[in-house]
Amino acid sequence: MSKGVMTCLPPHDGHPGVEIIWAADCREAFNQGVKLAQTWLDNARSGWLWAVMIAERDLLPCAMERRAFEVGFLSRIHQRVCSQKHCVQPVRTISLQL
C-alpha cells in the first residue's frame, strides 16, 4: 500500500500550519484552494465565500481533487478566523491523514 502524498499548509496569521497525507496526488488542487481563499481574503472579501469556493471547486475533474480543494480553501479561511479570535496557541504544524 502506498504511503500517500503529503500536502502542506504553512503557518499563517499566527495560526499553525497543517500537513495532510492524501491517497493520491492532490497537491495542485489543495494549493489552488489555499490560493483562492487567500485571494478572497485579500480582495475585501468580494462575493459570497461559499459561491466563490463552489464555482472553482466544481471545475475539478474528480471527487478527491474537489475534496482537497475544499480542505485547502477552508484551512486557509480557518487560519484567518482563528487569528481574529486571538488564539493563544503556539504556532506548530500538525499532521492529518485522509
PDB file of N, CA and C in Angstrom:
ATOM      1  N   MET A   1       0.830  -1.184   0.000  1.00  0.00           N
ATOM      2  CA  MET A   1       0.000   0.000   0.000  1.00  0.00           C
ATOM      3  C   MET A   1       0.875   1.248   0.000  1.00  0.00           C
ATOM      4  N   SER A   2       0.517   2.227  -0.780  1.00  0.00           N
ATOM      5  CA  SER A   2       1.252   3.477  -0.893  1.00  0.00           C
ATOM      6  C   SER A   2       1.146   4.280   0.393  1.00  0.00           C
ATOM      7  N   LYS A   3       2.210   5.017   0.693  1.00  0.00           N
ATOM      8  CA  LYS A   3       2.201   5.868   1.875  1.00  0.00           C
ATOM      9  C   LYS A   3       1.414   7.152   1.640  1.00  0.00           C
ATOM     10  N   GLY A   4       1.073   7.465   0.431  1.00  0.00           N
ATOM     11  CA  GLY A   4       0.322   8.667   0.127  1.00  0.00           C
ATOM     12  C   GLY A   4       1.207   9.835  -0.239  1.00  0.00           C
ATOM     13  N   VAL A   5       0.545  10.949  -0.525  1.00  0.00           N
ATOM     14  CA  VAL A   5       1.235  12.160  -0.961  1.00  0.00           C
ATOM     15  C   VAL A   5       0.884  13.280   0.010  1.00  0.00           C
ATOM     16  N   MET A   6       1.903  13.941   0.528  1.00  0.00           N
ATOM     17  CA  MET A   6       1.684  14.969   1.533  1.00  0.00           C
ATOM     18  C   MET A   6       1.485  16.347   0.903  1.00  0.00           C
ATOM     19  N   THR A   7       0.496  17.069   1.438  1.00  0.00           N
ATOM     20  CA  THR A   7       0.315  18.483   1.112  1.00  0.00           C
ATOM     21  C   THR A   7       0.578  19.254   2.391  1.00  0.00           C
ATOM     22  N   CYS A   8       1.096  20.461   2.243  1.00  0.00           N
ATOM     23  CA  CYS A   8       1.448  21.268   3.413  1.00  0.00           C
ATOM     24  C   CYS A   8       0.819  22.650   3.314  1.00  0.00           C
ATOM     25  N   LEU A   9       0.159  23.046   4.370  1.00  0.00           N
ATOM     26  CA  LEU A   9      -0.340  24.409   4.514  1.00  0.00           C
ATOM     27  C   LEU A   9       0.555  25.063   5.551  1.00  0.00           C
ATOM     28  N   PRO A  10       1.341  26.058   5.160  1.00  0.00           N
ATOM     29  CA  PRO A  10       2.259  26.667   6.115  1.00  0.00           C
ATOM     30  C   PRO A  10       1.508  27.485   7.163  1.00  0.00           C
ATOM     31  N   PRO A  11       2.137  27.724   8.326  1.00  0.00           N
ATOM     32  CA  PRO A  11       1.523  28.608   9.316  1.00  0.00           C
ATOM     33  C   PRO A  11       1.237  29.968   8.682  1.00  0.00           C
ATOM     34  N   HIS A  12       0.156  30.599   9.101  1.00  0.00           N
ATOM     35  CA  HIS A  12      -0.206  31.903   8.550  1.00  0.00           C
ATOM     36  C   HIS A  12      -1.059  32.642   9.565  1.00  0.00           C
ATOM     37  N   ASP A  13      -0.968  33.936   9.593  1.00  0.00           N
ATOM     38  CA  ASP A  13      -1.761  34.764  10.503  1.00  0.00           C
ATOM     39  C   ASP A  13      -1.600  34.334  11.955  1.00  0.00           C
ATOM     40  N   GLY A  14      -0.434  33.800  12.311  1.00  0.00           N
ATOM     41  CA  GLY A  14      -0.201  33.379  13.684  1.00  0.00           C
ATOM     42  C   GLY A  14      -0.867  32.072  14.054  1.00  0.00           C
ATOM     43  N   HIS A  15      -1.391  31.364  13.072  1.00  0.00           N
ATOM     44  CA  HIS A  15      -2.058  30.089  13.328  1.00  0.00           C
ATOM     45  C   HIS A  15      -1.214  28.974  12.732  1.00  0.00           C
ATOM     46  N   PRO A  16      -1.184  27.799  13.379  1.00  0.00           N
ATOM     47  CA  PRO A  16      -0.322  26.715  12.886  1.00  0.00           C
ATOM     48  C   PRO A  16      -0.680  26.230  11.492  1.00  0.00           C
ATOM     49  N   GLY A  17       0.293  25.646  10.854  1.00  0.00           N
ATOM     50  CA  GLY A  17       0.078  25.018   9.559  1.00  0.00           C
ATOM     51  C   GLY A  17      -0.427  23.605   9.759  1.00  0.00           C
ATOM     52  N   VAL A  18      -0.583  22.908   8.653  1.00  0.00           N
ATOM     53  CA  VAL A  18      -1.054  21.526   8.710  1.00  0.00           C
ATOM     54  C   VAL A  18      -0.412  20.739   7.570  1.00  0.00           C
ATOM     55  N   GLU A  19      -0.115  19.485   7.825  1.00  0.00           N
ATOM     56  CA  GLU A  19       0.347  18.554   6.804  1.00  0.00           C
ATOM     57  C   GLU A  19      -0.736  17.506   6.644  1.00  0.00           C
ATOM     58  N   ILE A  20      -1.150  17.253   5.416  1.00  0.00           N
ATOM     59  CA  ILE A  20      -2.207  16.285   5.144  1.00  0.00           C
ATOM     60  C   ILE A  20      -1.689  15.273   4.135  1.00  0.00           C
ATOM     61  N   ILE A  21      -1.883  14.006   4.422  1.00  0.00           N
ATOM     62  CA  ILE A  21      -1.458  12.944   3.514  1.00  0.00           C
ATOM     63  C   ILE A  21      -2.690  12.418   2.784  1.00  0.00           C
ATOM     64  N   TRP A  22      -2.626  12.482   1.460  1.00  0.00           N
ATOM     65  CA  TRP A  22      -3.717  12.033   0.595  1.00  0.00           C
ATOM     66  C   TRP A  22      -3.364  10.702  -0.033  1.00  0.00           C
ATOM     67  N   ALA A  23      -4.368   9.929  -0.380  1.00  0.00           N
ATOM     68  CA  ALA A  23      -4.157   8.641  -1.046  1.00  0.00           C
ATOM     69  C   ALA A  23      -3.639   8.826  -2.469  1.00  0.00           C
ATOM     70  N   ALA A  24      -3.889   9.981  -3.069  1.00  0.00           N
ATOM     71  CA  ALA A  24      -3.428  10.287  -4.432  1.00  0.00           C
ATOM     72  C   ALA A  24      -2.826  11.686  -4.424  1.00  0.00           C
ATOM     73  N   ASP A  25      -2.162  12.057  -5.493  1.00  0.00           N
ATOM     74  CA  ASP A  25      -1.517  13.365  -5.555  1.00  0.00           C
ATOM     75  C   ASP A  25      -2.553  14.464  -5.767  1.00  0.00           C
ATOM     76  N   CYS A  26      -2.885  15.144  -4.704  1.00  0.00           N
ATOM     77  CA  CYS A  26      -3.876  16.226  -4.744  1.00  0.00           C
ATOM     78  C   CYS A  26      -3.252  17.571  -4.425  1.00  0.00           C
ATOM     79  N   ARG A  27      -1.930  17.650  -4.508  1.00  0.00           N
ATOM     80  CA  ARG A  27      -1.245  18.892  -4.127  1.00  0.00           C
ATOM     81  C   ARG A  27      -1.719  20.090  -4.933  1.00  0.00           C
ATOM     82  N   GLU A  28      -1.862  19.926  -6.225  1.00  0.00           N
ATOM     83  CA  GLU A  28      -2.258  21.061  -7.057  1.00  0.00           C
ATOM     84  C   GLU A  28      -3.649  21.577  -6.669  1.00  0.00           C
ATOM     85  N   ALA A  29      -4.595  20.679  -6.488  1.00  0.00           N
ATOM     86  CA  ALA A  29      -5.958  21.081  -6.111  1.00  0.00           C
ATOM     87  C   ALA A  29      -5.962  21.730  -4.726  1.00  0.00           C
ATOM     88  N   PHE A  30      -5.233  21.151  -3.781  1.00  0.00           N
ATOM     89  CA  PHE A  30      -5.124  21.707  -2.435  1.00  0.00           C
ATOM     90  C   PHE A  30      -4.567  23.128  -2.499  1.00  0.00           C
ATOM     91  N   ASN A  31      -3.465  23.289  -3.234  1.00  0.00           N
ATOM     92  CA  ASN A  31      -2.833  24.603  -3.350  1.00  0.00           C
ATOM     93  C   ASN A  31      -3.736  25.613  -4.058  1.00  0.00           C
ATOM     94  N   GLN A  32      -4.517  25.156  -5.033  1.00  0.00           N
ATOM     95  CA  GLN A  32      -5.480  26.041  -5.689  1.00  0.00           C
ATOM     96  C   GLN A  32      -6.501  26.555  -4.679  1.00  0.00           C
ATOM     97  N   GLY A  33      -6.971  25.678  -3.816  1.00  0.00           N
ATOM     98  CA  GLY A  33      -7.930  26.074  -2.785  1.00  0.00           C
ATOM     99  C   GLY A  33      -7.351  27.099  -1.833  1.00  0.00           C
ATOM    100  N   VAL A  34      -6.115  26.862  -1.391  1.00  0.00           N
ATOM    101  CA  VAL A  34      -5.445  27.806  -0.493  1.00  0.00           C
ATOM    102  C   VAL A  34      -5.300  29.163  -1.183  1.00  0.00           C
ATOM    103  N   LYS A  35      -4.846  29.146  -2.425  1.00  0.00           N
ATOM    104  CA  LYS A  35      -4.620  30.394  -3.167  1.00  0.00           C
ATOM    105  C   LYS A  35      -5.930  31.162  -3.372  1.00  0.00           C
ATOM    106  N   LEU A  36      -7.004  30.461  -3.727  1.00  0.00           N
ATOM    107  CA  LEU A  36      -8.280  31.136  -3.936  1.00  0.00           C
ATOM    108  C   LEU A  36      -8.789  31.752  -2.638  1.00  0.00           C
ATOM    109  N   ALA A  37      -8.653  31.031  -1.528  1.00  0.00           N
ATOM    110  CA  ALA A  37      -9.073  31.575  -0.236  1.00  0.00           C
ATOM    111  C   ALA A  37      -8.282  32.835   0.094  1.00  0.00           C
ATOM    112  N   GLN A  38      -6.971  32.798  -0.146  1.00  0.00           N
ATOM    113  CA  GLN A  38      -6.148  33.970   0.147  1.00  0.00           C
ATOM    114  C   GLN A  38      -6.546  35.140  -0.743  1.00  0.00           C
ATOM    115  N   THR A  39      -6.850  34.864  -1.992  1.00  0.00           N
ATOM    116  CA  THR A  39      -7.303  35.913  -2.904  1.00  0.00           C
ATOM    117  C   THR A  39      -8.599  36.531  -2.386  1.00  0.00           C
ATOM    118  N   TRP A  40      -9.524  35.694  -1.943  1.00  0.00           N
ATOM    119  CA  TRP A  40     -10.796  36.183  -1.393  1.00  0.00           C
ATOM    120  C   TRP A  40     -10.538  37.042  -0.154  1.00  0.00           C
ATOM    121  N   LEU A  41      -9.654  36.598   0.714  1.00  0.00           N
ATOM    122  CA  LEU A  41      -9.336  37.354   1.929  1.00  0.00           C
ATOM    123  C   LEU A  41      -8.667  38.691   1.598  1.00  0.00           C
ATOM    124  N   ASP A  42      -7.796  38.699   0.600  1.00  0.00           N
ATOM    125  CA  ASP A  42      -7.046  39.909   0.240  1.00  0.00           C
ATOM    126  C   ASP A  42      -7.863  40.932  -0.536  1.00  0.00           C
ATOM    127  N   ASN A  43      -8.946  40.508  -1.157  1.00  0.00           N
ATOM    128  CA  ASN A  43      -9.731  41.402  -2.010  1.00  0.00           C
ATOM    129  C   ASN A  43     -11.022  41.853  -1.349  1.00  0.00           C
ATOM    130  N   ALA A  44     -10.890  42.292  -0.115  1.00  0.00           N
ATOM    131  CA  ALA A  44     -12.031  42.831   0.636  1.00  0.00           C
ATOM    132  C   ALA A  44     -13.222  41.882   0.615  1.00  0.00           C
ATOM    133  N   ARG A  45     -12.918  40.597   0.562  1.00  0.00           N
ATOM    134  CA  ARG A  45     -13.952  39.564   0.639  1.00  0.00           C
ATOM    135  C   ARG A  45     -15.082  39.804  -0.350  1.00  0.00           C
ATOM    136  N   SER A  46     -14.683  39.976  -1.597  1.00  0.00           N
ATOM    137  CA  SER A  46     -15.672  40.236  -2.642  1.00  0.00           C
ATOM    138  C   SER A  46     -16.436  38.965  -2.992  1.00  0.00           C
ATOM    139  N   GLY A  47     -17.725  39.060  -3.019  1.00  0.00           N
ATOM    140  CA  GLY A  47     -18.573  37.922  -3.336  1.00  0.00           C
ATOM    141  C   GLY A  47     -18.798  37.030  -2.124  1.00  0.00           C
ATOM    142  N   TRP A  48     -19.754  36.146  -2.264  1.00  0.00           N
ATOM    143  CA  TRP A  48     -20.063  35.210  -1.197  1.00  0.00           C
ATOM    144  C   TRP A  48     -18.992  34.136  -1.115  1.00  0.00           C
ATOM    145  N   LEU A  49     -18.520  33.868   0.078  1.00  0.00           N
ATOM    146  CA  LEU A  49     -17.475  32.872   0.284  1.00  0.00           C
ATOM    147  C   LEU A  49     -17.865  31.514  -0.302  1.00  0.00           C
ATOM    148  N   TRP A  50     -19.050  31.054  -0.005  1.00  0.00           N
ATOM    149  CA  TRP A  50     -19.485  29.738  -0.478  1.00  0.00           C
ATOM    150  C   TRP A  50     -19.577  29.697  -1.999  1.00  0.00           C
ATOM    151  N   ALA A  51     -20.027  30.789  -2.607  1.00  0.00           N
ATOM    152  CA  ALA A  51     -20.173  30.815  -4.064  1.00  0.00           C
ATOM    153  C   ALA A  51     -18.813  30.786  -4.749  1.00  0.00           C
ATOM    154  N   VAL A  52     -17.861  31.522  -4.195  1.00  0.00           N
ATOM    155  CA  VAL A  52     -16.504  31.543  -4.752  1.00  0.00           C
ATOM    156  C   VAL A  52     -15.906  30.138  -4.688  1.00  0.00           C
ATOM    157  N   MET A  53     -16.043  29.477  -3.532  1.00  0.00           N
ATOM    158  CA  MET A  53     -15.471  28.152  -3.365  1.00  0.00           C
ATOM    159  C   MET A  53     -16.125  27.130  -4.303  1.00  0.00           C
ATOM    160  N   ILE A  54     -17.446  27.103  -4.348  1.00  0.00           N
ATOM    161  CA  ILE A  54     -18.162  26.106  -5.152  1.00  0.00           C
ATOM    162  C   ILE A  54     -17.893  26.287  -6.646  1.00  0.00           C
ATOM    163  N   ALA A  55     -17.873  27.529  -7.105  1.00  0.00           N
ATOM    164  CA  ALA A  55     -17.662  27.782  -8.534  1.00  0.00           C
ATOM    165  C   ALA A  55     -16.324  27.221  -9.011  1.00  0.00           C
ATOM    166  N   GLU A  56     -15.280  27.409  -8.232  1.00  0.00           N
ATOM    167  CA  GLU A  56     -13.959  26.910  -8.626  1.00  0.00           C
ATOM    168  C   GLU A  56     -13.811  25.420  -8.359  1.00  0.00           C
ATOM    169  N   ARG A  57     -14.327  24.953  -7.246  1.00  0.00           N
ATOM    170  CA  ARG A  57     -14.221  23.539  -6.898  1.00  0.00           C
ATOM    171  C   ARG A  57     -14.859  22.658  -7.964  1.00  0.00           C
ATOM    172  N   ASP A  58     -15.996  23.074  -8.469  1.00  0.00           N
ATOM    173  CA  ASP A  58     -16.722  22.241  -9.426  1.00  0.00           C
ATOM    174  C   ASP A  58     -16.022  22.117 -10.782  1.00  0.00           C
ATOM    175  N   LEU A  59     -14.986  22.883 -11.009  1.00  0.00           N
ATOM    176  CA  LEU A  59     -14.215  22.765 -12.244  1.00  0.00           C
ATOM    177  C   LEU A  59     -13.240  21.592 -12.205  1.00  0.00           C
ATOM    178  N   LEU A  60     -12.994  21.049 -11.027  1.00  0.00           N
ATOM    179  CA  LEU A  60     -12.032  19.950 -10.888  1.00  0.00           C
ATOM    180  C   LEU A  60     -12.658  18.628 -11.320  1.00  0.00           C
ATOM    181  N   PRO A  61     -11.862  17.753 -11.933  1.00  0.00           N
ATOM    182  CA  PRO A  61     -12.410  16.562 -12.575  1.00  0.00           C
ATOM    183  C   PRO A  61     -12.850  15.417 -11.659  1.00  0.00           C
ATOM    184  N   CYS A  62     -12.238  15.259 -10.486  1.00  0.00           N
ATOM    185  CA  CYS A  62     -12.603  14.087  -9.671  1.00  0.00           C
ATOM    186  C   CYS A  62     -12.883  14.474  -8.228  1.00  0.00           C
ATOM    187  N   ALA A  63     -13.584  13.584  -7.545  1.00  0.00           N
ATOM    188  CA  ALA A  63     -14.040  13.849  -6.178  1.00  0.00           C
ATOM    189  C   ALA A  63     -12.887  14.105  -5.211  1.00  0.00           C
ATOM    190  N   MET A  64     -11.808  13.351  -5.324  1.00  0.00           N
ATOM    191  CA  MET A  64     -10.699  13.534  -4.391  1.00  0.00           C
ATOM    192  C   MET A  64     -10.039  14.898  -4.579  1.00  0.00           C
ATOM    193  N   GLU A  65      -9.918  15.350  -5.821  1.00  0.00           N
ATOM    194  CA  GLU A  65      -9.353  16.681  -6.065  1.00  0.00           C
ATOM    195  C   GLU A  65     -10.284  17.765  -5.535  1.00  0.00           C
ATOM    196  N   ARG A  66     -11.586  17.577  -5.716  1.00  0.00           N
ATOM    197  CA  ARG A  66     -12.544  18.552  -5.179  1.00  0.00           C
ATOM    198  C   ARG A  66     -12.451  18.621  -3.661  1.00  0.00           C
ATOM    199  N   ARG A  67     -12.310  17.466  -3.026  1.00  0.00           N
ATOM    200  CA  ARG A  67     -12.168  17.436  -1.566  1.00  0.00           C
ATOM    201  C   ARG A  67     -10.882  18.135  -1.129  1.00  0.00           C
ATOM    202  N   ALA A  68      -9.789  17.879  -1.828  1.00  0.00           N
ATOM    203  CA  ALA A  68      -8.509  18.524  -1.495  1.00  0.00           C
ATOM    204  C   ALA A  68      -8.623  20.038  -1.647  1.00  0.00           C
ATOM    205  N   PHE A  69      -9.288  20.475  -2.707  1.00  0.00           N
ATOM    206  CA  PHE A  69      -9.509  21.905  -2.924  1.00  0.00           C
ATOM    207  C   PHE A  69     -10.279  22.501  -1.738  1.00  0.00           C
ATOM    208  N   GLU A  70     -11.360  21.835  -1.330  1.00  0.00           N
ATOM    209  CA  GLU A  70     -12.171  22.313  -0.206  1.00  0.00           C
ATOM    210  C   GLU A  70     -11.348  22.389   1.073  1.00  0.00           C
ATOM    211  N   VAL A  71     -10.553  21.356   1.332  1.00  0.00           N
ATOM    212  CA  VAL A  71      -9.737  21.328   2.545  1.00  0.00           C
ATOM    213  C   VAL A  71      -8.712  22.459   2.525  1.00  0.00           C
ATOM    214  N   GLY A  72      -8.057  22.674   1.387  1.00  0.00           N
ATOM    215  CA  GLY A  72      -7.101  23.774   1.285  1.00  0.00           C
ATOM    216  C   GLY A  72      -7.770  25.121   1.478  1.00  0.00           C
ATOM    217  N   PHE A  73      -8.896  25.321   0.817  1.00  0.00           N
ATOM    218  CA  PHE A  73      -9.647  26.579   0.896  1.00  0.00           C
ATOM    219  C   PHE A  73     -10.087  26.855   2.333  1.00  0.00           C
ATOM    220  N   LEU A  74     -10.749  25.878   2.926  1.00  0.00           N
ATOM    221  CA  LEU A  74     -11.292  26.083   4.272  1.00  0.00           C
ATOM    222  C   LEU A  74     -10.201  26.130   5.341  1.00  0.00           C
ATOM    223  N   SER A  75      -9.090  25.452   5.122  1.00  0.00           N
ATOM    224  CA  SER A  75      -7.979  25.518   6.074  1.00  0.00           C
ATOM    225  C   SER A  75      -7.400  26.923   6.130  1.00  0.00           C
ATOM    226  N   ARG A  76      -7.265  27.548   4.957  1.00  0.00           N
ATOM    227  CA  ARG A  76      -6.722  28.915   4.935  1.00  0.00           C
ATOM    228  C   ARG A  76      -7.699  29.892   5.589  1.00  0.00           C
ATOM    229  N   ILE A  77      -8.994  29.737   5.330  1.00  0.00           N
ATOM    230  CA  ILE A  77     -10.005  30.578   5.978  1.00  0.00           C
ATOM    231  C   ILE A  77      -9.968  30.345   7.489  1.00  0.00           C
ATOM    232  N   HIS A  78      -9.835  29.087   7.902  1.00  0.00           N
ATOM    233  CA  HIS A  78      -9.758  28.742   9.324  1.00  0.00           C
ATOM    234  C   HIS A  78      -8.595  29.460  10.005  1.00  0.00           C
ATOM    235  N   GLN A  79      -7.445  29.478   9.342  1.00  0.00           N
ATOM    236  CA  GLN A  79      -6.294  30.182   9.913  1.00  0.00           C
ATOM    237  C   GLN A  79      -6.625  31.649  10.167  1.00  0.00           C
ATOM    238  N   ARG A  80      -7.294  32.293   9.219  1.00  0.00           N
ATOM    239  CA  ARG A  80      -7.625  33.702   9.383  1.00  0.00           C
ATOM    240  C   ARG A  80      -8.653  33.906  10.498  1.00  0.00           C
ATOM    241  N   VAL A  81      -9.681  33.059  10.521  1.00  0.00           N
ATOM    242  CA  VAL A  81     -10.719  33.182  11.548  1.00  0.00           C
ATOM    243  C   VAL A  81     -10.103  33.016  12.939  1.00  0.00           C
ATOM    244  N   CYS A  82      -9.255  32.024  13.090  1.00  0.00           N
ATOM    245  CA  CYS A  82      -8.622  31.803  14.393  1.00  0.00           C
ATOM    246  C   CYS A  82      -7.695  32.953  14.768  1.00  0.00           C
ATOM    247  N   SER A  83      -7.060  33.561  13.780  1.00  0.00           N
ATOM    248  CA  SER A  83      -6.182  34.693  14.094  1.00  0.00           C
ATOM    249  C   SER A  83      -7.012  35.873  14.592  1.00  0.00           C
ATOM    250  N   GLN A  84      -8.228  36.031  14.100  1.00  0.00           N
ATOM    251  CA  GLN A  84      -9.107  37.106  14.529  1.00  0.00           C
ATOM    252  C   GLN A  84      -9.593  36.900  15.961  1.00  0.00           C
ATOM    253  N   LYS A  85      -9.628  35.659  16.402  1.00  0.00           N
ATOM    254  CA  LYS A  85     -10.053  35.347  17.764  1.00  0.00           C
ATOM    255  C   LYS A  85      -8.896  35.483  18.748  1.00  0.00           C
ATOM    256  N   HIS A  86      -7.719  35.819  18.243  1.00  0.00           N
ATOM    257  CA  HIS A  86      -6.523  35.959  19.073  1.00  0.00           C
ATOM    258  C   HIS A  86      -6.208  34.672  19.827  1.00  0.00           C
ATOM    259  N   CYS A  87      -6.191  33.586  19.093  1.00  0.00           N
ATOM    260  CA  CYS A  87      -5.832  32.305  19.692  1.00  0.00           C
ATOM    261  C   CYS A  87      -4.448  32.419  20.319  1.00  0.00           C
ATOM    262  N   VAL A  88      -4.285  31.823  21.454  1.00  0.00           N
ATOM    263  CA  VAL A  88      -3.005  31.899  22.148  1.00  0.00           C
ATOM    264  C   VAL A  88      -2.203  30.608  22.013  1.00  0.00           C
ATOM    265  N   GLN A  89      -2.608  29.742  21.088  1.00  0.00           N
ATOM    266  CA  GLN A  89      -1.865  28.513  20.856  1.00  0.00           C
ATOM    267  C   GLN A  89      -0.522  28.848  20.224  1.00  0.00           C
ATOM    268  N   PRO A  90       0.529  28.139  20.614  1.00  0.00           N
ATOM    269  CA  PRO A  90       1.808  28.339  19.927  1.00  0.00           C
ATOM    270  C   PRO A  90       1.700  27.840  18.487  1.00  0.00           C
ATOM    271  N   VAL A  91       2.411  28.489  17.580  1.00  0.00           N
ATOM    272  CA  VAL A  91       2.386  28.080  16.176  1.00  0.00           C
ATOM    273  C   VAL A  91       3.179  26.783  16.042  1.00  0.00           C
ATOM    274  N   ARG A  92       2.518  25.740  15.551  1.00  0.00           N
ATOM    275  CA  ARG A  92       3.165  24.464  15.312  1.00  0.00           C
ATOM    276  C   ARG A  92       2.415  23.768  14.185  1.00  0.00           C
ATOM    277  N   THR A  93       3.086  22.914  13.497  1.00  0.00           N
ATOM    278  CA  THR A  93       2.475  22.176  12.392  1.00  0.00           C
ATOM    279  C   THR A  93       1.874  20.885  12.927  1.00  0.00           C
ATOM    280  N   ILE A  94       0.666  20.552  12.464  1.00  0.00           N
ATOM    281  CA  ILE A  94       0.042  19.288  12.824  1.00  0.00           C
ATOM    282  C   ILE A  94      -0.049  18.422  11.590  1.00  0.00           C
ATOM    283  N   SER A  95      -0.242  17.128  11.775  1.00  0.00           N
ATOM    284  CA  SER A  95      -0.335  16.209  10.643  1.00  0.00           C
ATOM    285  C   SER A  95      -1.672  15.482  10.662  1.00  0.00           C
ATOM    286  N   LEU A  96      -2.263  15.317   9.483  1.00  0.00           N
ATOM    287  CA  LEU A  96      -3.505  14.573   9.310  1.00  0.00           C
ATOM    288  C   LEU A  96      -3.317  13.600   8.169  1.00  0.00           C
ATOM    289  N   GLN A  97      -4.041  12.505   8.207  1.00  0.00           N
ATOM    290  CA  GLN A  97      -4.005  11.568   7.088  1.00  0.00           C
ATOM    291  C   GLN A  97      -5.441  11.330   6.641  1.00  0.00           C
ATOM    292  N   LEU A  98      -5.738  11.616   5.362  1.00  0.00           N
ATOM    293  CA  LEU A  98      -7.077  11.468   4.800  1.00  0.00           C
ATOM    294  C   LEU A  98      -7.082  10.409   3.740  1.00  0.00           C
TER     295      LEU A  98
END
